[in-house]
Amino acid sequence: MPRLLEELQAGTPVRDMNGSHIGEVRAVYGSGDARTAEFLLVYWTARGEEALVPADEAMHVGDDGVSLRQSADSYADRPAFNPGANPLLHRL
């Protein structure tokens, strides 16, 4: 399994700080000309939709997936992903 955010594949499990499975990675995005991960596009199982999470929220990348810094409830207010909302974002 990848150890860098830039190498994550779609379907990688996402867990919150408590270890609960909360969704899966759909894509990794950079901004402008950057080739580094700035956002993870996460499909939130409970919400049934995708939303961006800043890459610095990822605390650990390992064999069991990505662990986020906070509980799932902390991300509930993240807006649903709209690909046209920020034209500077590009998929890595």
PDB file of N, CA and C in Angstrom:
ATOM      1  N   MET A   1       0.853  -1.190   0.000  1.00  0.00           N
ATOM      2  CA  MET A   1       0.000   0.000   0.000  1.00  0.00           C
ATOM      3  C   MET A   1       0.894   1.248   0.000  1.00  0.00           C
ATOM      4  N   PRO A   2       0.486   2.301  -0.682  1.00  0.00           N
ATOM      5  CA  PRO A   2       1.289   3.530  -0.736  1.00  0.00           C
ATOM      6  C   PRO A   2       1.503   4.133   0.651  1.00  0.00           C
ATOM      7  N   ARG A   3       2.613   4.806   0.792  1.00  0.00           N
ATOM      8  CA  ARG A   3       2.929   5.491   2.051  1.00  0.00           C
ATOM      9  C   ARG A   3       2.913   7.011   1.894  1.00  0.00           C
ATOM     10  N   LEU A   4       2.719   7.484   0.669  1.00  0.00           N
ATOM     11  CA  LEU A   4       2.658   8.919   0.392  1.00  0.00           C
ATOM     12  C   LEU A   4       1.266   9.273  -0.122  1.00  0.00           C
ATOM     13  N   LEU A   5       0.791  10.444   0.243  1.00  0.00           N
ATOM     14  CA  LEU A   5      -0.531  10.875  -0.213  1.00  0.00           C
ATOM     15  C   LEU A   5      -0.610  10.915  -1.733  1.00  0.00           C
ATOM     16  N   GLU A   6       0.464  11.352  -2.379  1.00  0.00           N
ATOM     17  CA  GLU A   6       0.471  11.465  -3.829  1.00  0.00           C
ATOM     18  C   GLU A   6       0.307  10.119  -4.524  1.00  0.00           C
ATOM     19  N   GLU A   7       0.576   9.022  -3.830  1.00  0.00           N
ATOM     20  CA  GLU A   7       0.497   7.693  -4.417  1.00  0.00           C
ATOM     21  C   GLU A   7      -0.802   6.965  -4.092  1.00  0.00           C
ATOM     22  N   LEU A   8      -1.700   7.585  -3.337  1.00  0.00           N
ATOM     23  CA  LEU A   8      -2.947   6.915  -2.956  1.00  0.00           C
ATOM     24  C   LEU A   8      -3.793   6.591  -4.177  1.00  0.00           C
ATOM     25  N   GLN A   9      -4.432   5.455  -4.125  1.00  0.00           N
ATOM     26  CA  GLN A   9      -5.309   5.008  -5.200  1.00  0.00           C
ATOM     27  C   GLN A   9      -6.765   5.178  -4.781  1.00  0.00           C
ATOM     28  N   ALA A  10      -7.627   5.346  -5.764  1.00  0.00           N
ATOM     29  CA  ALA A  10      -9.061   5.387  -5.483  1.00  0.00           C
ATOM     30  C   ALA A  10      -9.454   4.095  -4.782  1.00  0.00           C
ATOM     31  N   GLY A  11     -10.291   4.235  -3.764  1.00  0.00           N
ATOM     32  CA  GLY A  11     -10.734   3.078  -3.004  1.00  0.00           C
ATOM     33  C   GLY A  11      -9.968   2.856  -1.713  1.00  0.00           C
ATOM     34  N   THR A  12      -8.891   3.613  -1.502  1.00  0.00           N
ATOM     35  CA  THR A  12      -8.143   3.484  -0.250  1.00  0.00           C
ATOM     36  C   THR A  12      -9.051   3.846   0.915  1.00  0.00           C
ATOM     37  N   PRO A  13      -9.138   2.999   1.943  1.00  0.00           N
ATOM     38  CA  PRO A  13     -10.009   3.296   3.086  1.00  0.00           C
ATOM     39  C   PRO A  13      -9.575   4.557   3.838  1.00  0.00           C
ATOM     40  N   VAL A  14     -10.556   5.275   4.351  1.00  0.00           N
ATOM     41  CA  VAL A  14     -10.309   6.455   5.181  1.00  0.00           C
ATOM     42  C   VAL A  14     -10.921   6.190   6.547  1.00  0.00           C
ATOM     43  N   ARG A  15     -10.126   6.453   7.586  1.00  0.00           N
ATOM     44  CA  ARG A  15     -10.583   6.271   8.964  1.00  0.00           C
ATOM     45  C   ARG A  15     -10.450   7.581   9.713  1.00  0.00           C
ATOM     46  N   ASP A  16     -11.305   7.760  10.721  1.00  0.00           N
ATOM     47  CA  ASP A  16     -11.185   8.957  11.535  1.00  0.00           C
ATOM     48  C   ASP A  16     -10.195   8.701  12.669  1.00  0.00           C
ATOM     49  N   MET A  17     -10.027   9.681  13.556  1.00  0.00           N
ATOM     50  CA  MET A  17      -9.052   9.575  14.638  1.00  0.00           C
ATOM     51  C   MET A  17      -9.342   8.421  15.591  1.00  0.00           C
ATOM     52  N   ASN A  18     -10.585   7.948  15.606  1.00  0.00           N
ATOM     53  CA  ASN A  18     -10.978   6.841  16.477  1.00  0.00           C
ATOM     54  C   ASN A  18     -10.790   5.484  15.808  1.00  0.00           C
ATOM     55  N   GLY A  19     -10.357   5.482  14.548  1.00  0.00           N
ATOM     56  CA  GLY A  19     -10.149   4.239  13.819  1.00  0.00           C
ATOM     57  C   GLY A  19     -11.380   3.730  13.099  1.00  0.00           C
ATOM     58  N   SER A  20     -12.473   4.501  13.147  1.00  0.00           N
ATOM     59  CA  SER A  20     -13.709   4.102  12.469  1.00  0.00           C
ATOM     60  C   SER A  20     -13.593   4.329  10.969  1.00  0.00           C
ATOM     61  N   HIS A  21     -14.012   3.349  10.185  1.00  0.00           N
ATOM     62  CA  HIS A  21     -14.015   3.480   8.730  1.00  0.00           C
ATOM     63  C   HIS A  21     -15.119   4.465   8.356  1.00  0.00           C
ATOM     64  N   ILE A  22     -14.745   5.563   7.696  1.00  0.00           N
ATOM     65  CA  ILE A  22     -15.729   6.607   7.379  1.00  0.00           C
ATOM     66  C   ILE A  22     -15.909   6.835   5.887  1.00  0.00           C
ATOM     67  N   GLY A  23     -15.055   6.235   5.075  1.00  0.00           N
ATOM     68  CA  GLY A  23     -15.198   6.421   3.633  1.00  0.00           C
ATOM     69  C   GLY A  23     -13.995   5.897   2.887  1.00  0.00           C
ATOM     70  N   GLU A  24     -13.796   6.459   1.692  1.00  0.00           N
ATOM     71  CA  GLU A  24     -12.667   6.045   0.864  1.00  0.00           C
ATOM     72  C   GLU A  24     -12.169   7.215   0.042  1.00  0.00           C
ATOM     73  N   VAL A  25     -10.891   7.143  -0.298  1.00  0.00           N
ATOM     74  CA  VAL A  25     -10.281   8.152  -1.161  1.00  0.00           C
ATOM     75  C   VAL A  25     -10.800   7.938  -2.573  1.00  0.00           C
ATOM     76  N   ARG A  26     -11.195   9.018  -3.211  1.00  0.00           N
ATOM     77  CA  ARG A  26     -11.597   8.962  -4.620  1.00  0.00           C
ATOM     78  C   ARG A  26     -10.517   9.556  -5.517  1.00  0.00           C
ATOM     79  N   ALA A  27      -9.765  10.556  -4.989  1.00  0.00           N
ATOM     80  CA  ALA A  27      -8.701  11.187  -5.774  1.00  0.00           C
ATOM     81  C   ALA A  27      -7.843  12.046  -4.855  1.00  0.00           C
ATOM     82  N   VAL A  28      -6.680  12.431  -5.368  1.00  0.00           N
ATOM     83  CA  VAL A  28      -5.776  13.345  -4.670  1.00  0.00           C
ATOM     84  C   VAL A  28      -5.592  14.546  -5.593  1.00  0.00           C
ATOM     85  N   TYR A  29      -5.681  15.746  -5.028  1.00  0.00           N
ATOM     86  CA  TYR A  29      -5.602  16.977  -5.815  1.00  0.00           C
ATOM     87  C   TYR A  29      -4.470  17.878  -5.354  1.00  0.00           C
ATOM     88  N   GLY A  30      -3.874  18.562  -6.325  1.00  0.00           N
ATOM     89  CA  GLY A  30      -2.906  19.612  -6.073  1.00  0.00           C
ATOM     90  C   GLY A  30      -3.505  20.916  -6.568  1.00  0.00           C
ATOM     91  N   SER A  31      -2.779  21.991  -6.357  1.00  0.00           N
ATOM     92  CA  SER A  31      -3.264  23.302  -6.777  1.00  0.00           C
ATOM     93  C   SER A  31      -2.213  23.971  -7.654  1.00  0.00           C
ATOM     94  N   GLY A  32      -2.679  24.633  -8.701  1.00  0.00           N
ATOM     95  CA  GLY A  32      -1.754  25.311  -9.614  1.00  0.00           C
ATOM     96  C   GLY A  32      -0.812  24.320 -10.268  1.00  0.00           C
ATOM     97  N   ASP A  33       0.475  24.644 -10.250  1.00  0.00           N
ATOM     98  CA  ASP A  33       1.492  23.776 -10.853  1.00  0.00           C
ATOM     99  C   ASP A  33       2.055  22.759  -9.874  1.00  0.00           C
ATOM    100  N   ALA A  34       1.566  22.775  -8.637  1.00  0.00           N
ATOM    101  CA  ALA A  34       2.111  21.894  -7.600  1.00  0.00           C
ATOM    102  C   ALA A  34       1.884  20.427  -7.940  1.00  0.00           C
ATOM    103  N   ARG A  35       2.856  19.603  -7.602  1.00  0.00           N
ATOM    104  CA  ARG A  35       2.762  18.154  -7.779  1.00  0.00           C
ATOM    105  C   ARG A  35       2.644  17.458  -6.425  1.00  0.00           C
ATOM    106  N   THR A  36       2.402  18.241  -5.385  1.00  0.00           N
ATOM    107  CA  THR A  36       2.227  17.682  -4.047  1.00  0.00           C
ATOM    108  C   THR A  36       0.748  17.668  -3.695  1.00  0.00           C
ATOM    109  N   ALA A  37       0.383  16.726  -2.842  1.00  0.00           N
ATOM    110  CA  ALA A  37      -1.014  16.598  -2.414  1.00  0.00           C
ATOM    111  C   ALA A  37      -1.412  17.778  -1.547  1.00  0.00           C
ATOM    112  N   GLU A  38      -2.502  18.436  -1.932  1.00  0.00           N
ATOM    113  CA  GLU A  38      -3.047  19.523  -1.126  1.00  0.00           C
ATOM    114  C   GLU A  38      -4.428  19.187  -0.590  1.00  0.00           C
ATOM    115  N   PHE A  39      -5.132  18.312  -1.312  1.00  0.00           N
ATOM    116  CA  PHE A  39      -6.473  17.897  -0.887  1.00  0.00           C
ATOM    117  C   PHE A  39      -6.689  16.422  -1.206  1.00  0.00           C
ATOM    118  N   LEU A  40      -7.483  15.773  -0.359  1.00  0.00           N
ATOM    119  CA  LEU A  40      -7.972  14.430  -0.642  1.00  0.00           C
ATOM    120  C   LEU A  40      -9.449  14.546  -0.944  1.00  0.00           C
ATOM    121  N   LEU A  41      -9.872  13.913  -2.016  1.00  0.00           N
ATOM    122  CA  LEU A  41     -11.298  13.829  -2.303  1.00  0.00           C
ATOM    123  C   LEU A  41     -11.780  12.534  -1.659  1.00  0.00           C
ATOM    124  N   VAL A  42     -12.636  12.685  -0.655  1.00  0.00           N
ATOM    125  CA  VAL A  42     -13.100  11.542   0.126  1.00  0.00           C
ATOM    126  C   VAL A  42     -14.585  11.322  -0.135  1.00  0.00           C
ATOM    127  N   TYR A  43     -14.945  10.068  -0.392  1.00  0.00           N
ATOM    128  CA  TYR A  43     -16.351   9.692  -0.433  1.00  0.00           C
ATOM    129  C   TYR A  43     -16.742   9.336   0.990  1.00  0.00           C
ATOM    130  N   TRP A  44     -17.675  10.114   1.550  1.00  0.00           N
ATOM    131  CA  TRP A  44     -18.128   9.915   2.926  1.00  0.00           C
ATOM    132  C   TRP A  44     -19.314   8.961   2.907  1.00  0.00           C
ATOM    133  N   THR A  45     -19.133   7.795   3.456  1.00  0.00           N
ATOM    134  CA  THR A  45     -20.157   6.756   3.436  1.00  0.00           C
ATOM    135  C   THR A  45     -21.458   7.236   4.073  1.00  0.00           C
ATOM    136  N   ALA A  46     -21.385   7.859   5.238  1.00  0.00           N
ATOM    137  CA  ALA A  46     -22.588   8.298   5.947  1.00  0.00           C
ATOM    138  C   ALA A  46     -23.340   9.384   5.189  1.00  0.00           C
ATOM    139  N   ARG A  47     -22.627  10.250   4.481  1.00  0.00           N
ATOM    140  CA  ARG A  47     -23.246  11.344   3.735  1.00  0.00           C
ATOM    141  C   ARG A  47     -23.675  10.921   2.346  1.00  0.00           C
ATOM    142  N   GLY A  48     -23.000   9.918   1.806  1.00  0.00           N
ATOM    143  CA  GLY A  48     -23.286   9.484   0.449  1.00  0.00           C
ATOM    144  C   GLY A  48     -22.830  10.480  -0.602  1.00  0.00           C
ATOM    145  N   GLU A  49     -21.758  11.235  -0.295  1.00  0.00           N
ATOM    146  CA  GLU A  49     -21.243  12.209  -1.252  1.00  0.00           C
ATOM    147  C   GLU A  49     -19.758  12.432  -1.027  1.00  0.00           C
ATOM    148  N   GLU A  50     -19.143  13.095  -1.994  1.00  0.00           N
ATOM    149  CA  GLU A  50     -17.720  13.395  -1.934  1.00  0.00           C
ATOM    150  C   GLU A  50     -17.506  14.804  -1.406  1.00  0.00           C
ATOM    151  N   ALA A  51     -16.408  14.977  -0.652  1.00  0.00           N
ATOM    152  CA  ALA A  51     -16.011  16.301  -0.169  1.00  0.00           C
ATOM    153  C   ALA A  51     -14.489  16.329  -0.064  1.00  0.00           C
ATOM    154  N   LEU A  52     -13.913  17.507  -0.272  1.00  0.00           N
ATOM    155  CA  LEU A  52     -12.470  17.676  -0.154  1.00  0.00           C
ATOM    156  C   LEU A  52     -12.064  17.840   1.304  1.00  0.00           C
ATOM    157  N   VAL A  53     -10.918  17.272   1.628  1.00  0.00           N
ATOM    158  CA  VAL A  53     -10.316  17.414   2.952  1.00  0.00           C
ATOM    159  C   VAL A  53      -8.882  17.884   2.723  1.00  0.00           C
ATOM    160  N   PRO A  54      -8.439  18.924   3.441  1.00  0.00           N
ATOM    161  CA  PRO A  54      -7.049  19.343   3.282  1.00  0.00           C
ATOM    162  C   PRO A  54      -6.089  18.190   3.582  1.00  0.00           C
ATOM    163  N   ALA A  55      -5.038  18.078   2.804  1.00  0.00           N
ATOM    164  CA  ALA A  55      -4.086  16.976   2.955  1.00  0.00           C
ATOM    165  C   ALA A  55      -3.439  16.960   4.332  1.00  0.00           C
ATOM    166  N   ASP A  56      -3.312  18.120   4.964  1.00  0.00           N
ATOM    167  CA  ASP A  56      -2.687  18.134   6.290  1.00  0.00           C
ATOM    168  C   ASP A  56      -3.567  17.531   7.380  1.00  0.00           C
ATOM    169  N   GLU A  57      -4.793  17.153   7.040  1.00  0.00           N
ATOM    170  CA  GLU A  57      -5.657  16.430   7.977  1.00  0.00           C
ATOM    171  C   GLU A  57      -5.298  14.949   8.049  1.00  0.00           C
ATOM    172  N   ALA A  58      -4.510  14.464   7.095  1.00  0.00           N
ATOM    173  CA  ALA A  58      -4.082  13.067   7.090  1.00  0.00           C
ATOM    174  C   ALA A  58      -2.946  12.906   8.095  1.00  0.00           C
ATOM    175  N   MET A  59      -3.196  12.116   9.133  1.00  0.00           N
ATOM    176  CA  MET A  59      -2.191  11.902  10.171  1.00  0.00           C
ATOM    177  C   MET A  59      -1.292  10.703   9.866  1.00  0.00           C
ATOM    178  N   HIS A  60      -1.841   9.727   9.152  1.00  0.00           N
ATOM    179  CA  HIS A  60      -1.091   8.499   8.911  1.00  0.00           C
ATOM    180  C   HIS A  60      -1.561   7.867   7.602  1.00  0.00           C
ATOM    181  N   VAL A  61      -0.609   7.387   6.822  1.00  0.00           N
ATOM    182  CA  VAL A  61      -0.906   6.607   5.626  1.00  0.00           C
ATOM    183  C   VAL A  61      -0.213   5.272   5.812  1.00  0.00           C
ATOM    184  N   GLY A  62      -0.987   4.205   5.792  1.00  0.00           N
ATOM    185  CA  GLY A  62      -0.407   2.887   6.010  1.00  0.00           C
ATOM    186  C   GLY A  62      -1.161   1.790   5.303  1.00  0.00           C
ATOM    187  N   ASP A  63      -0.866   0.561   5.680  1.00  0.00           N
ATOM    188  CA  ASP A  63      -1.486  -0.596   5.051  1.00  0.00           C
ATOM    189  C   ASP A  63      -2.995  -0.627   5.231  1.00  0.00           C
ATOM    190  N   ASP A  64      -3.489  -0.011   6.309  1.00  0.00           N
ATOM    191  CA  ASP A  64      -4.933  -0.007   6.565  1.00  0.00           C
ATOM    192  C   ASP A  64      -5.633   1.218   5.995  1.00  0.00           C
ATOM    193  N   GLY A  65      -4.915   2.068   5.261  1.00  0.00           N
ATOM    194  CA  GLY A  65      -5.510   3.248   4.641  1.00  0.00           C
ATOM    195  C   GLY A  65      -4.998   4.543   5.233  1.00  0.00           C
ATOM    196  N   VAL A  66      -5.845   5.562   5.194  1.00  0.00           N
ATOM    197  CA  VAL A  66      -5.507   6.902   5.668  1.00  0.00           C
ATOM    198  C   VAL A  66      -6.267   7.168   6.960  1.00  0.00           C
ATOM    199  N   SER A  67      -5.556   7.679   7.954  1.00  0.00           N
ATOM    200  CA  SER A  67      -6.195   8.088   9.205  1.00  0.00           C
ATOM    201  C   SER A  67      -6.221   9.606   9.272  1.00  0.00           C
ATOM    202  N   LEU A  68      -7.390  10.161   9.523  1.00  0.00           N
ATOM    203  CA  LEU A  68      -7.542  11.609   9.630  1.00  0.00           C
ATOM    204  C   LEU A  68      -7.340  12.072  11.068  1.00  0.00           C
ATOM    205  N   ARG A  69      -7.087  13.358  11.212  1.00  0.00           N
ATOM    206  CA  ARG A  69      -6.753  13.988  12.477  1.00  0.00           C
ATOM    207  C   ARG A  69      -7.931  14.091  13.450  1.00  0.00           C
ATOM    208  N   GLN A  70      -9.157  14.137  12.943  1.00  0.00           N
ATOM    209  CA  GLN A  70     -10.317  14.399  13.790  1.00  0.00           C
ATOM    210  C   GLN A  70     -11.373  13.307  13.632  1.00  0.00           C
ATOM    211  N   SER A  71     -12.437  13.426  14.428  1.00  0.00           N
ATOM    212  CA  SER A  71     -13.554  12.485  14.309  1.00  0.00           C
ATOM    213  C   SER A  71     -14.365  12.813  13.056  1.00  0.00           C
ATOM    214  N   ALA A  72     -15.141  11.861  12.600  1.00  0.00           N
ATOM    215  CA  ALA A  72     -15.949  12.037  11.385  1.00  0.00           C
ATOM    216  C   ALA A  72     -16.883  13.235  11.507  1.00  0.00           C
ATOM    217  N   ASP A  73     -17.433  13.469  12.683  1.00  0.00           N
ATOM    218  CA  ASP A  73     -18.364  14.591  12.882  1.00  0.00           C
ATOM    219  C   ASP A  73     -17.710  15.942  12.621  1.00  0.00           C
ATOM    220  N   SER A  74     -16.418  16.029  12.816  1.00  0.00           N
ATOM    221  CA  SER A  74     -15.700  17.291  12.604  1.00  0.00           C
ATOM    222  C   SER A  74     -15.672  17.714  11.141  1.00  0.00           C
ATOM    223  N   TYR A  75     -15.920  16.766  10.256  1.00  0.00           N
ATOM    224  CA  TYR A  75     -15.875  17.056   8.822  1.00  0.00           C
ATOM    225  C   TYR A  75     -17.274  17.183   8.204  1.00  0.00           C
ATOM    226  N   ALA A  76     -18.293  17.106   9.024  1.00  0.00           N
ATOM    227  CA  ALA A  76     -19.675  17.096   8.527  1.00  0.00           C
ATOM    228  C   ALA A  76     -20.047  18.368   7.770  1.00  0.00           C
ATOM    229  N   ASP A  77     -19.406  19.481   8.072  1.00  0.00           N
ATOM    230  CA  ASP A  77     -19.757  20.750   7.423  1.00  0.00           C
ATOM    231  C   ASP A  77     -18.983  21.005   6.132  1.00  0.00           C
ATOM    232  N   ARG A  78     -18.125  20.079   5.727  1.00  0.00           N
ATOM    233  CA  ARG A  78     -17.395  20.246   4.476  1.00  0.00           C
ATOM    234  C   ARG A  78     -18.392  20.194   3.320  1.00  0.00           C
ATOM    235  N   PRO A  79     -18.340  21.146   2.413  1.00  0.00           N
ATOM    236  CA  PRO A  79     -19.301  21.138   1.300  1.00  0.00           C
ATOM    237  C   PRO A  79     -19.060  19.987   0.341  1.00  0.00           C
ATOM    238  N   ALA A  80     -20.117  19.549  -0.308  1.00  0.00           N
ATOM    239  CA  ALA A  80     -20.001  18.507  -1.338  1.00  0.00           C
ATOM    240  C   ALA A  80     -19.061  19.009  -2.436  1.00  0.00           C
ATOM    241  N   PHE A  81     -18.310  18.102  -3.005  1.00  0.00           N
ATOM    242  CA  PHE A  81     -17.334  18.452  -4.032  1.00  0.00           C
ATOM    243  C   PHE A  81     -18.010  18.931  -5.303  1.00  0.00           C
ATOM    244  N   ASN A  82     -17.536  20.079  -5.805  1.00  0.00           N
ATOM    245  CA  ASN A  82     -17.990  20.645  -7.066  1.00  0.00           C
ATOM    246  C   ASN A  82     -16.740  20.894  -7.905  1.00  0.00           C
ATOM    247  N   PRO A  83     -16.469  20.047  -8.900  1.00  0.00           N
ATOM    248  CA  PRO A  83     -15.226  20.163  -9.658  1.00  0.00           C
ATOM    249  C   PRO A  83     -15.019  21.523 -10.322  1.00  0.00           C
ATOM    250  N   GLY A  84     -16.073  22.228 -10.636  1.00  0.00           N
ATOM    251  CA  GLY A  84     -15.928  23.521 -11.300  1.00  0.00           C
ATOM    252  C   GLY A  84     -15.718  24.689 -10.355  1.00  0.00           C
ATOM    253  N   ALA A  85     -15.800  24.456  -9.061  1.00  0.00           N
ATOM    254  CA  ALA A  85     -15.715  25.544  -8.082  1.00  0.00           C
ATOM    255  C   ALA A  85     -14.311  26.136  -7.979  1.00  0.00           C
ATOM    256  N   ASN A  86     -13.274  25.339  -8.230  1.00  0.00           N
ATOM    257  CA  ASN A  86     -11.919  25.844  -8.159  1.00  0.00           C
ATOM    258  C   ASN A  86     -11.116  25.324  -9.352  1.00  0.00           C
ATOM    259  N   PRO A  87     -11.008  26.127 -10.396  1.00  0.00           N
ATOM    260  CA  PRO A  87     -10.334  25.666 -11.610  1.00  0.00           C
ATOM    261  C   PRO A  87      -8.831  25.455 -11.442  1.00  0.00           C
ATOM    262  N   LEU A  88      -8.253  25.924 -10.328  1.00  0.00           N
ATOM    263  CA  LEU A  88      -6.818  25.732 -10.107  1.00  0.00           C
ATOM    264  C   LEU A  88      -6.485  24.329  -9.606  1.00  0.00           C
ATOM    265  N   LEU A  89      -7.481  23.606  -9.111  1.00  0.00           N
ATOM    266  CA  LEU A  89      -7.234  22.254  -8.628  1.00  0.00           C
ATOM    267  C   LEU A  89      -7.036  21.294  -9.802  1.00  0.00           C
ATOM    268  N   HIS A  90      -6.092  20.395  -9.635  1.00  0.00           N
ATOM    269  CA  HIS A  90      -5.873  19.348 -10.650  1.00  0.00           C
ATOM    270  C   HIS A  90      -5.601  18.026  -9.947  1.00  0.00           C
ATOM    271  N   ARG A  91      -6.066  16.986 -10.584  1.00  0.00           N
ATOM    272  CA  ARG A  91      -5.895  15.642 -10.054  1.00  0.00           C
ATOM    273  C   ARG A  91      -4.448  15.182 -10.236  1.00  0.00           C
ATOM    274  N   LEU A  92      -3.879  14.629  -9.200  1.00  0.00           N
ATOM    275  CA  LEU A  92      -2.495  14.124  -9.286  1.00  0.00           C
ATOM    276  C   LEU A  92      -2.486  12.694  -9.792  1.00  0.00           C
TER     277      LEU A  92
END
